[in-house]
Amino acid sequence: MKTKIDYFDYDTLLQPTDWRFAAAVVGLCKYFDYFGIDYKVLCDVEEKPDNYIHGFDGVIYKSEDITEEKYLEFAENYFEKYMTHKNILNILESQEFSEEQIKLVNDLVKSKTVLKGLFDKIKFNGTNKDIFISTIEENRAEIIKNIFKNGNNLYKNYCNERLIFTEDNSTCRLRGYNVDKDRKTNNLGFCFSKESFESNDILEFDFIPFAFSNSDMRETYFVNNNFSVKSLTQTNYAFSNQLSSTENKDDKNKLMLVLQNSKDYISYDVEIISKSQDKAYYETFFVRLERLKKLRELSGKSLNFVKKINDDYWFNLEKEVYMRCLNNVLLDDVILMMLKFYFDDNAVKGYIKSRTDMLIDINVSWKGNDIMDEIKSAKSCGFLTSKKLIEMKSSNKINSYKQKIISALCAHDYDRAKEIILSLSAYVGMEFSFFYTFLENAEENKDLAFAFASALIEVSSKNN
């Protein structure tokens, strides 16, 4: 919440009452620190402003210290590698230019509309660098503003680019919060009553892009642990640094891996806000400490498995397990999918089986069922059954029974699954000790059937 105050020389208090204000606080602190502008943190001052909201920390500052000139200078520095004009100026520091450098300068000019307009009909030829340098310096603010507000991974990803550095807007400038009130007012409020719609917007929301994690990722994150301004800034700094150092993973996997290693600065339930360039809105998910501990327990487990399902979807086992862990969702559907992958052409069956067995163990531990001894028994029975079928010259029955059991489990037809397992037991003349636990409550103990089906695999009769 933004509050006007009369507190010595300061006139504004910004408190992180929801994630938008929290992100604005983080971005604003970076801005103040960059210019060395004086501000105060609410919890550090003994005498509080009269009208502050109890229970929240905040920053106290002078509104006059936020100017468009300084804002653009800060944006240019913070997102320097995306500022095309800076790249051009760096090249123009040379005294002589190769053909590649000349071509690169002209290509950079063409890449941005604002630069094409300024250098209309002027091409860099290696001898006219003074014209390019002077034109950029004279129009620097305009160039920065256009590049920053129109960058798909910059301001435009987070806010309506037409509202940059504006005030008194009728709706919030953030993506997903901003609407065209001339067209949509009848649909905005409760029960189609436009009078019931409320919106707030402040200039400080322009600092939100500086609060989110690495802009080179298509999906960026903000950790809203608004216990204090100190925890907000330090946590997001550490979080962003860890994301930067985590390589060769997609954005969601990076997030999961960083959360696994975040015990030094996240030791409580926390809210994480994500913003993808592919979506016109923000997403929120809550990370419970209990689930975070379970996620950390997965560290070191080999869950590497990726399979193309169709042109729009790749199945990533590691990501599926991590997301279900955080969302407190069991792995039943993932296990069944892995069991079905076993029958695909060119499937590395032993590799799939080892991953499936690991998923079953994880699933049982998440459920808290005390059936690990029965799980081991089910795996042993599956192996011995496969071995017996091979000895009986009936190895073709292995995949046949495996498919029947998996089909019954996919259909949640546990009576059918019991019939198939009993039939197999009679066929090989073996007693399955795990079956009695499965018989008592098949749905609760379906992991036993998963383990047995997974262990039905063609093995050499000489293997122990």
Protein backbone atom coordinates (compact mmCIF):
# COMPACT_ATOMS: atom_id res chain seq x y z
CA MET A 1 0.00 0.00 0.00
CA LYS A 2 1.23 3.48 -0.87
CA THR A 3 0.54 6.13 1.74
CA LYS A 4 1.17 9.85 1.77
CA ILE A 5 2.90 10.82 5.02
CA ASP A 6 4.37 13.84 6.75
CA TYR A 7 7.51 12.38 8.26
CA PHE A 8 10.43 14.79 8.60
CA ASP A 9 11.65 15.37 5.01
CA TYR A 10 9.88 12.27 3.63
CA ASP A 11 6.41 12.26 2.09
CA THR A 12 5.74 8.66 0.92
CA LEU A 13 5.53 5.23 2.52
CA LEU A 14 5.32 2.05 0.41
CA GLN A 15 4.42 -1.17 2.27
CA PRO A 16 4.42 -4.71 0.77
CA THR A 17 0.76 -5.46 1.52
CA ASP A 18 0.45 -7.73 -1.54
CA TRP A 19 2.90 -9.12 -4.07
CA ARG A 20 2.61 -6.11 -6.42
CA PHE A 21 3.64 -3.65 -3.73
CA ALA A 22 6.30 -6.09 -2.47
CA ALA A 23 7.87 -6.33 -5.94
CA ALA A 24 7.66 -2.54 -6.31
CA VAL A 25 9.53 -2.20 -2.97
CA VAL A 26 12.34 -4.49 -4.19
CA GLY A 27 12.69 -2.64 -7.51
CA LEU A 28 12.54 0.74 -5.77
CA CYS A 29 15.28 -0.21 -3.28
CA LYS A 30 17.54 -1.19 -6.20
CA TYR A 31 16.83 2.20 -7.80
CA PHE A 32 17.60 4.12 -4.60
CA ASP A 33 20.78 2.13 -3.95
CA TYR A 34 22.00 2.66 -7.53
CA PHE A 35 21.81 6.47 -7.21
CA GLY A 36 22.72 6.59 -3.52
CA ILE A 37 19.36 8.21 -2.74
CA ASP A 38 18.50 8.43 0.93
CA TYR A 39 15.51 6.38 2.14
CA LYS A 40 14.49 4.66 5.34
CA VAL A 41 13.15 1.21 6.18
CA LEU A 42 10.07 1.35 8.41
CA CYS A 43 11.13 -1.35 10.88
CA ASP A 44 14.48 0.39 11.44
CA VAL A 45 13.02 3.73 12.61
CA GLU A 46 11.91 4.16 16.20
CA GLU A 47 9.28 6.82 15.54
CA LYS A 48 6.76 5.54 13.00
CA PRO A 49 4.61 7.66 10.65
CA ASP A 50 1.12 8.30 12.03
CA ASN A 51 -0.88 6.46 9.36
CA TYR A 52 1.24 3.39 8.58
CA ILE A 53 -0.38 -0.06 8.31
CA HIS A 54 0.54 -2.19 11.31
CA GLY A 55 2.07 -5.61 10.64
CA PHE A 56 3.98 -4.63 7.49
CA ASP A 57 7.47 -3.27 6.93
CA GLY A 58 8.01 -0.67 4.23
CA VAL A 59 10.23 1.99 2.68
CA ILE A 60 10.00 5.70 3.47
CA TYR A 61 11.19 8.10 0.77
CA LYS A 62 10.72 11.40 -1.03
CA SER A 63 8.47 11.17 -4.08
CA GLU A 64 10.51 13.88 -5.81
CA ASP A 65 13.47 11.47 -5.96
CA ILE A 66 11.62 9.38 -8.56
CA THR A 67 12.06 11.11 -11.92
CA GLU A 68 11.70 9.82 -15.46
CA GLU A 69 15.26 10.88 -16.28
CA LYS A 70 16.71 8.87 -13.42
CA TYR A 71 14.31 5.98 -14.07
CA LEU A 72 15.50 5.63 -17.69
CA GLU A 73 19.16 5.89 -16.66
CA PHE A 74 18.57 3.12 -14.12
CA ALA A 75 16.79 0.94 -16.72
CA GLU A 76 19.68 1.45 -19.15
CA ASN A 77 22.19 0.29 -16.58
CA TYR A 78 20.14 -2.59 -15.13
CA PHE A 79 19.27 -4.07 -18.52
CA GLU A 80 22.47 -2.95 -20.22
CA LYS A 81 22.97 -6.04 -22.37
CA TYR A 82 19.59 -5.46 -24.05
CA MET A 83 20.28 -1.79 -24.81
CA THR A 84 21.14 -1.87 -28.51
CA HIS A 85 22.48 1.69 -28.56
CA LYS A 86 25.02 0.76 -25.87
CA ASN A 87 26.27 -2.10 -28.03
CA ILE A 88 26.63 0.32 -30.95
CA LEU A 89 28.54 2.85 -28.82
CA ASN A 90 30.90 0.12 -27.61
CA ILE A 91 31.74 -0.80 -31.21
CA LEU A 92 32.21 2.86 -32.14
CA GLU A 93 34.97 3.25 -29.53
CA SER A 94 37.36 1.69 -32.05
CA GLN A 95 39.50 3.89 -34.30
CA GLU A 96 39.29 1.59 -37.29
CA PHE A 97 36.47 -0.74 -38.29
CA SER A 98 36.38 -4.06 -40.09
CA GLU A 99 33.68 -4.95 -42.58
CA GLU A 100 32.12 -7.21 -39.95
CA GLN A 101 31.91 -4.33 -37.45
CA ILE A 102 30.40 -1.99 -40.05
CA LYS A 103 27.80 -4.59 -40.95
CA LEU A 104 27.04 -5.27 -37.28
CA VAL A 105 26.41 -1.57 -36.55
CA ASN A 106 23.99 -1.29 -39.49
CA ASP A 107 22.24 -4.52 -38.46
CA LEU A 108 21.84 -3.24 -34.90
CA VAL A 109 20.34 0.00 -36.19
CA LYS A 110 17.83 -1.96 -38.27
CA SER A 111 16.86 -4.13 -35.30
CA LYS A 112 15.13 -1.30 -33.41
CA THR A 113 12.38 0.92 -34.80
CA VAL A 114 13.51 3.96 -32.81
CA LEU A 115 17.06 3.69 -34.23
CA LYS A 116 15.83 3.16 -37.78
CA GLY A 117 13.82 6.39 -37.45
CA LEU A 118 16.78 8.38 -36.16
CA PHE A 119 19.21 7.07 -38.78
CA ASP A 120 16.82 7.14 -41.71
CA LYS A 121 18.82 7.07 -44.98
CA ILE A 122 22.12 7.18 -43.02
CA LYS A 123 24.38 4.14 -43.10
CA PHE A 124 27.48 3.58 -41.08
CA ASN A 125 30.51 3.29 -43.36
CA GLY A 126 33.39 3.42 -40.87
CA THR A 127 34.11 7.15 -41.37
CA ASN A 128 30.95 8.75 -39.96
CA LYS A 129 30.99 7.46 -36.40
CA ASP A 130 30.74 11.00 -34.96
CA ILE A 131 27.28 11.39 -36.50
CA PHE A 132 26.13 8.14 -34.94
CA ILE A 133 27.60 8.95 -31.51
CA SER A 134 26.16 12.48 -31.40
CA THR A 135 22.72 11.34 -32.62
CA ILE A 136 22.55 8.63 -29.96
CA GLU A 137 23.68 10.97 -27.18
CA GLU A 138 21.20 13.69 -28.19
CA ASN A 139 18.30 11.22 -28.26
CA ARG A 140 19.46 8.89 -25.51
CA ALA A 141 16.35 9.19 -23.30
CA GLU A 142 14.00 8.53 -26.22
CA ILE A 143 16.05 5.51 -27.32
CA ILE A 144 16.17 3.99 -23.82
CA LYS A 145 12.44 4.49 -23.28
CA ASN A 146 11.48 2.88 -26.59
CA ILE A 147 13.81 -0.10 -26.23
CA PHE A 148 12.86 -0.68 -22.60
CA LYS A 149 9.09 -0.34 -22.89
CA ASN A 150 8.84 -2.45 -26.07
CA GLY A 151 11.21 -5.26 -25.05
CA ASN A 152 9.36 -8.58 -24.87
CA ASN A 153 11.53 -9.59 -21.92
CA LEU A 154 11.62 -6.08 -20.44
CA TYR A 155 8.83 -3.68 -19.47
CA LYS A 156 6.33 -5.00 -22.02
CA ASN A 157 6.43 -8.46 -20.42
CA TYR A 158 5.16 -7.04 -17.12
CA CYS A 159 3.15 -3.90 -17.87
CA ASN A 160 1.11 -2.17 -20.55
CA GLU A 161 3.82 -0.36 -22.49
CA ARG A 162 1.53 2.62 -23.17
CA LEU A 163 1.38 3.39 -19.45
CA ILE A 164 5.08 3.62 -18.65
CA PHE A 165 5.79 6.38 -16.13
CA THR A 166 2.18 7.59 -16.04
CA GLU A 167 -0.04 8.34 -13.06
CA ASP A 168 -3.76 8.45 -12.24
CA ASN A 169 -4.59 5.45 -14.45
CA SER A 170 -8.11 4.06 -14.16
CA THR A 171 -6.86 0.45 -14.00
CA CYS A 172 -3.62 -1.21 -12.92
CA ARG A 173 -0.81 -1.10 -15.49
CA LEU A 174 0.28 -4.71 -14.87
CA ARG A 175 -0.40 -7.46 -17.42
CA GLY A 176 -3.50 -9.37 -16.47
CA TYR A 177 -4.69 -6.48 -14.30
CA ASN A 178 -5.01 -3.87 -17.04
CA VAL A 179 -8.29 -3.54 -18.99
CA ASP A 180 -9.85 -1.22 -21.54
CA LYS A 181 -12.59 0.35 -19.43
CA ASP A 182 -14.25 1.92 -22.48
CA ARG A 183 -15.04 -1.56 -23.80
CA LYS A 184 -15.23 -3.89 -20.82
CA THR A 185 -16.76 -1.98 -17.90
CA ASN A 186 -19.97 -4.02 -17.95
CA ASN A 187 -18.02 -7.24 -17.40
CA LEU A 188 -15.57 -6.03 -14.78
CA GLY A 189 -17.46 -6.05 -11.52
CA PHE A 190 -19.33 -8.61 -9.48
CA CYS A 191 -22.59 -9.71 -11.14
CA PHE A 192 -21.76 -7.50 -14.15
CA SER A 193 -22.01 -4.37 -11.99
CA LYS A 194 -19.26 -2.00 -13.05
CA GLU A 195 -19.75 0.00 -9.84
CA SER A 196 -18.42 -2.96 -7.84
CA PHE A 197 -15.10 -3.02 -9.72
CA GLU A 198 -12.11 -1.58 -7.89
CA SER A 199 -8.63 -1.02 -9.27
CA ASN A 200 -5.51 0.67 -8.03
CA ASP A 201 -2.39 1.74 -9.83
CA ILE A 202 0.68 3.61 -8.70
CA LEU A 203 3.74 4.97 -10.47
CA GLU A 204 5.95 2.68 -8.36
CA PHE A 205 4.58 -0.39 -10.19
CA ASP A 206 6.97 0.65 -12.98
CA PHE A 207 9.75 -0.75 -10.77
CA ILE A 208 8.29 -4.29 -10.76
CA PRO A 209 10.33 -5.47 -13.82
CA PHE A 210 13.50 -4.90 -11.76
CA ALA A 211 12.26 -7.19 -8.96
CA PHE A 212 11.79 -10.35 -11.04
CA SER A 213 14.57 -12.84 -11.67
CA ASN A 214 16.77 -13.19 -14.71
CA SER A 215 15.39 -11.43 -17.76
CA ASP A 216 17.21 -13.85 -20.09
CA MET A 217 14.74 -16.57 -19.03
CA ARG A 218 11.38 -16.83 -20.79
CA GLU A 219 9.76 -17.33 -17.40
CA THR A 220 10.88 -15.14 -14.52
CA TYR A 221 10.09 -15.32 -10.80
CA PHE A 222 9.56 -13.14 -7.75
CA VAL A 223 9.63 -14.55 -4.20
CA ASN A 224 7.10 -12.72 -2.04
CA ASN A 225 8.38 -13.30 1.47
CA ASN A 226 7.18 -9.93 2.73
CA PHE A 227 8.15 -10.36 6.39
CA SER A 228 10.49 -7.43 5.98
CA VAL A 229 12.14 -5.28 3.35
CA LYS A 230 15.45 -6.93 4.22
CA SER A 231 14.11 -10.45 3.65
CA LEU A 232 12.46 -9.38 0.38
CA THR A 233 15.61 -7.91 -1.11
CA GLN A 234 18.06 -10.54 0.17
CA THR A 235 15.91 -13.53 -0.76
CA ASN A 236 15.26 -12.33 -4.30
CA TYR A 237 18.92 -11.45 -4.76
CA ALA A 238 20.02 -14.94 -3.70
CA PHE A 239 17.22 -16.58 -5.68
CA SER A 240 18.12 -14.73 -8.87
CA ASN A 241 21.83 -15.51 -8.47
CA GLN A 242 21.14 -19.22 -8.10
CA LEU A 243 18.92 -19.21 -11.18
CA SER A 244 21.75 -17.58 -13.14
CA SER A 245 24.25 -20.24 -12.08
CA THR A 246 21.91 -23.15 -12.92
CA GLU A 247 22.54 -24.13 -16.55
CA ASN A 248 21.25 -26.58 -19.15
CA LYS A 249 17.72 -26.72 -17.71
CA ASP A 250 14.44 -25.22 -18.82
CA ASP A 251 13.00 -22.46 -16.65
CA LYS A 252 10.68 -24.64 -14.55
CA ASN A 253 13.44 -27.17 -13.89
CA LYS A 254 15.78 -24.35 -12.91
CA LEU A 255 13.16 -23.18 -10.44
CA MET A 256 12.82 -26.63 -8.90
CA LEU A 257 16.57 -27.12 -8.59
CA VAL A 258 17.01 -23.72 -6.98
CA LEU A 259 14.22 -24.44 -4.50
CA GLN A 260 15.96 -27.69 -3.60
CA ASN A 261 19.04 -25.70 -2.62
CA SER A 262 17.30 -22.72 -1.00
CA LYS A 263 17.40 -23.83 2.65
CA ASP A 264 19.78 -20.98 3.53
CA TYR A 265 17.20 -18.31 2.69
CA ILE A 266 13.80 -20.05 2.43
CA SER A 267 12.81 -21.93 5.58
CA TYR A 268 9.09 -21.20 5.68
CA ASP A 269 5.97 -21.23 3.51
CA VAL A 270 6.40 -18.75 0.68
CA GLU A 271 4.53 -17.33 -2.31
CA ILE A 272 6.22 -17.30 -5.72
CA ILE A 273 4.95 -15.16 -8.60
CA SER A 274 5.90 -16.17 -12.13
CA LYS A 275 5.62 -14.24 -15.39
CA SER A 276 6.11 -15.98 -18.72
CA GLN A 277 6.62 -14.16 -21.99
CA ASP A 278 4.14 -16.63 -23.49
CA LYS A 279 1.31 -15.58 -21.16
CA ALA A 280 -0.44 -12.23 -20.75
CA TYR A 281 -0.91 -12.67 -17.01
CA TYR A 282 0.96 -13.52 -13.82
CA GLU A 283 0.76 -16.89 -12.10
CA THR A 284 1.03 -17.60 -8.39
CA PHE A 285 1.85 -20.76 -6.50
CA PHE A 286 2.51 -21.36 -2.83
CA VAL A 287 5.50 -23.38 -1.68
CA ARG A 288 4.73 -25.06 1.63
CA LEU A 289 7.72 -25.83 3.85
CA GLU A 290 6.54 -29.42 4.27
CA ARG A 291 6.52 -29.92 0.49
CA LEU A 292 9.80 -28.03 0.13
CA LYS A 293 11.44 -30.52 2.51
CA LYS A 294 10.15 -33.39 0.37
CA LEU A 295 11.47 -31.65 -2.74
CA ARG A 296 14.88 -31.40 -1.11
CA GLU A 297 14.73 -35.12 -0.32
CA LEU A 298 14.56 -35.74 -4.08
CA SER A 299 17.98 -34.16 -4.52
CA GLY A 300 20.39 -36.73 -5.87
CA LYS A 301 17.71 -39.05 -7.21
CA SER A 302 18.16 -39.80 -10.89
CA LEU A 303 14.92 -38.74 -12.59
CA ASN A 304 16.32 -37.97 -16.02
CA PHE A 305 13.82 -39.05 -18.66
CA VAL A 306 12.41 -36.99 -21.53
CA LYS A 307 10.03 -38.22 -24.22
CA LYS A 308 8.23 -36.42 -27.03
CA ILE A 309 4.48 -37.01 -26.81
CA ASN A 310 3.47 -34.66 -29.66
CA ASP A 311 4.67 -31.46 -31.32
CA ASP A 312 3.33 -29.35 -28.44
CA TYR A 313 4.30 -31.48 -25.45
CA TRP A 314 7.45 -33.17 -24.22
CA PHE A 315 7.13 -35.38 -21.15
CA ASN A 316 9.89 -34.42 -18.69
CA LEU A 317 9.93 -36.84 -15.76
CA GLU A 318 12.02 -34.63 -13.49
CA LYS A 319 9.72 -31.64 -13.99
CA GLU A 320 6.56 -33.74 -13.55
CA VAL A 321 7.81 -35.15 -10.23
CA TYR A 322 9.02 -31.78 -8.91
CA MET A 323 5.78 -29.96 -9.73
CA ARG A 324 3.66 -32.71 -8.16
CA CYS A 325 5.83 -32.61 -5.09
CA LEU A 326 5.29 -28.88 -4.59
CA ASN A 327 1.56 -29.13 -5.34
CA ASN A 328 1.08 -32.09 -2.98
CA VAL A 329 -0.07 -34.37 -5.81
CA LEU A 330 0.74 -38.09 -5.88
CA LEU A 331 2.65 -39.81 -8.70
CA ASP A 332 0.03 -42.44 -9.66
CA ASP A 333 -0.57 -41.03 -13.15
CA VAL A 334 3.17 -40.53 -13.79
CA ILE A 335 3.90 -44.15 -12.79
CA LEU A 336 1.19 -45.45 -15.12
CA MET A 337 2.57 -43.33 -17.95
CA MET A 338 6.06 -44.73 -17.40
CA LEU A 339 4.66 -48.28 -17.35
CA LYS A 340 3.01 -47.63 -20.71
CA PHE A 341 6.23 -46.17 -22.15
CA TYR A 342 7.79 -49.60 -21.54
CA PHE A 343 5.92 -50.96 -24.58
CA ASP A 344 6.94 -48.18 -26.99
CA ASP A 345 9.14 -49.03 -29.92
CA ASN A 346 12.83 -48.44 -29.21
CA ALA A 347 12.12 -48.10 -25.48
CA VAL A 348 15.14 -48.75 -23.26
CA LYS A 349 13.23 -51.11 -21.03
CA GLY A 350 15.76 -51.49 -18.22
CA TYR A 351 16.17 -47.72 -18.00
CA ILE A 352 12.40 -47.16 -17.82
CA LYS A 353 12.02 -49.90 -15.23
CA SER A 354 14.65 -48.39 -12.91
CA ARG A 355 12.96 -44.96 -13.11
CA THR A 356 9.54 -46.52 -12.51
CA ASP A 357 10.75 -48.43 -9.46
CA MET A 358 12.16 -45.21 -8.03
CA LEU A 359 8.84 -43.40 -8.62
CA ILE A 360 6.96 -46.17 -6.80
CA ASP A 361 9.26 -45.86 -3.76
CA ILE A 362 8.82 -42.07 -3.73
CA ASN A 363 5.05 -42.39 -4.09
CA VAL A 364 4.79 -44.82 -1.16
CA SER A 365 6.88 -42.51 1.05
CA TRP A 366 4.65 -39.52 0.16
CA LYS A 367 1.53 -41.49 1.03
CA GLY A 368 2.99 -42.52 4.36
CA ASN A 369 1.90 -46.14 3.83
CA ASP A 370 3.90 -48.65 5.81
CA ILE A 371 4.10 -51.18 2.97
CA MET A 372 7.75 -50.99 1.90
CA ASP A 373 8.29 -54.65 2.86
CA GLU A 374 5.31 -55.62 0.68
CA ILE A 375 6.70 -53.42 -2.15
CA LYS A 376 9.97 -55.37 -2.01
CA SER A 377 7.95 -58.59 -2.00
CA ALA A 378 5.95 -57.45 -5.07
CA LYS A 379 9.15 -56.63 -6.96
CA SER A 380 10.66 -59.98 -6.01
CA CYS A 381 7.51 -61.86 -7.04
CA GLY A 382 7.50 -60.05 -10.40
CA PHE A 383 11.11 -60.98 -11.05
CA LEU A 384 10.66 -64.63 -10.02
CA THR A 385 7.46 -64.88 -12.08
CA SER A 386 9.30 -63.60 -15.16
CA LYS A 387 12.08 -66.09 -14.55
CA LYS A 388 9.57 -68.94 -14.13
CA LEU A 389 7.73 -68.03 -17.35
CA ILE A 390 11.02 -68.12 -19.26
CA GLU A 391 11.81 -71.55 -17.79
CA MET A 392 8.32 -72.69 -18.86
CA LYS A 393 9.09 -71.52 -22.43
CA SER A 394 6.26 -68.97 -22.04
CA SER A 395 8.25 -65.74 -22.15
CA ASN A 396 5.61 -64.26 -24.47
CA LYS A 397 3.24 -64.30 -21.48
CA ILE A 398 5.37 -61.75 -19.61
CA ASN A 399 4.40 -58.74 -21.69
CA SER A 400 0.88 -60.09 -22.15
CA TYR A 401 0.18 -60.17 -18.41
CA LYS A 402 2.06 -56.92 -17.85
CA GLN A 403 -0.14 -55.13 -20.41
CA LYS A 404 -3.32 -56.58 -18.93
CA ILE A 405 -2.43 -55.44 -15.41
CA ILE A 406 -1.44 -51.95 -16.58
CA SER A 407 -4.65 -51.60 -18.65
CA ALA A 408 -6.76 -52.56 -15.61
CA LEU A 409 -4.89 -50.08 -13.40
CA CYS A 410 -5.27 -47.28 -15.97
CA ALA A 411 -9.02 -47.93 -15.98
CA HIS A 412 -9.04 -48.02 -12.14
CA ASP A 413 -10.59 -51.47 -12.45
CA TYR A 414 -8.95 -53.03 -9.41
CA ASP A 415 -11.20 -56.10 -9.42
CA ARG A 416 -9.92 -56.88 -12.92
CA ALA A 417 -6.33 -56.32 -11.75
CA LYS A 418 -6.88 -58.81 -8.89
CA GLU A 419 -8.27 -61.41 -11.33
CA ILE A 420 -5.27 -61.09 -13.64
CA ILE A 421 -2.72 -61.37 -10.81
CA LEU A 422 -4.57 -64.41 -9.38
CA SER A 423 -4.66 -65.99 -12.82
CA LEU A 424 -0.92 -65.45 -13.25
CA SER A 425 -0.27 -66.87 -9.77
CA ALA A 426 -2.15 -70.05 -10.72
CA TYR A 427 -0.43 -70.25 -14.12
CA VAL A 428 3.11 -70.24 -12.68
CA GLY A 429 2.14 -72.15 -9.53
CA MET A 430 3.47 -69.49 -7.13
CA GLU A 431 1.97 -67.75 -4.13
CA PHE A 432 2.28 -63.94 -4.15
CA SER A 433 2.65 -62.84 -0.52
CA PHE A 434 2.04 -59.16 -1.32
CA PHE A 435 -1.35 -59.98 -2.84
CA TYR A 436 -3.16 -60.20 0.51
CA THR A 437 -2.38 -56.55 1.33
CA PHE A 438 -3.49 -55.54 -2.16
CA LEU A 439 -6.67 -57.57 -1.72
CA GLU A 440 -7.60 -55.75 1.51
CA ASN A 441 -7.63 -52.27 -0.07
CA ALA A 442 -6.62 -52.30 -3.72
CA GLU A 443 -7.02 -48.57 -4.34
CA GLU A 444 -5.00 -47.52 -1.30
CA ASN A 445 -2.29 -50.10 -2.00
CA LYS A 446 -2.20 -49.84 -5.81
CA ASP A 447 1.57 -49.25 -5.58
CA LEU A 448 1.93 -52.99 -4.94
CA ALA A 449 0.37 -53.70 -8.34
CA PHE A 450 2.60 -50.98 -9.87
CA ALA A 451 5.69 -52.64 -8.40
CA PHE A 452 4.66 -56.12 -9.51
CA ALA A 453 3.85 -54.99 -13.07
CA SER A 454 7.12 -53.06 -13.30
CA ALA A 455 9.09 -56.18 -12.26
CA LEU A 456 7.51 -58.29 -15.02
CA ILE A 457 10.37 -58.01 -17.47
CA GLU A 458 12.14 -60.43 -19.78
CA VAL A 459 15.30 -61.51 -17.92
CA SER A 460 17.80 -64.29 -18.37
CA SER A 461 17.03 -67.40 -16.37
CA LYS A 462 20.67 -67.33 -15.25
CA ASN A 463 20.27 -63.92 -13.60
CA ASN A 464 19.94 -63.89 -9.81
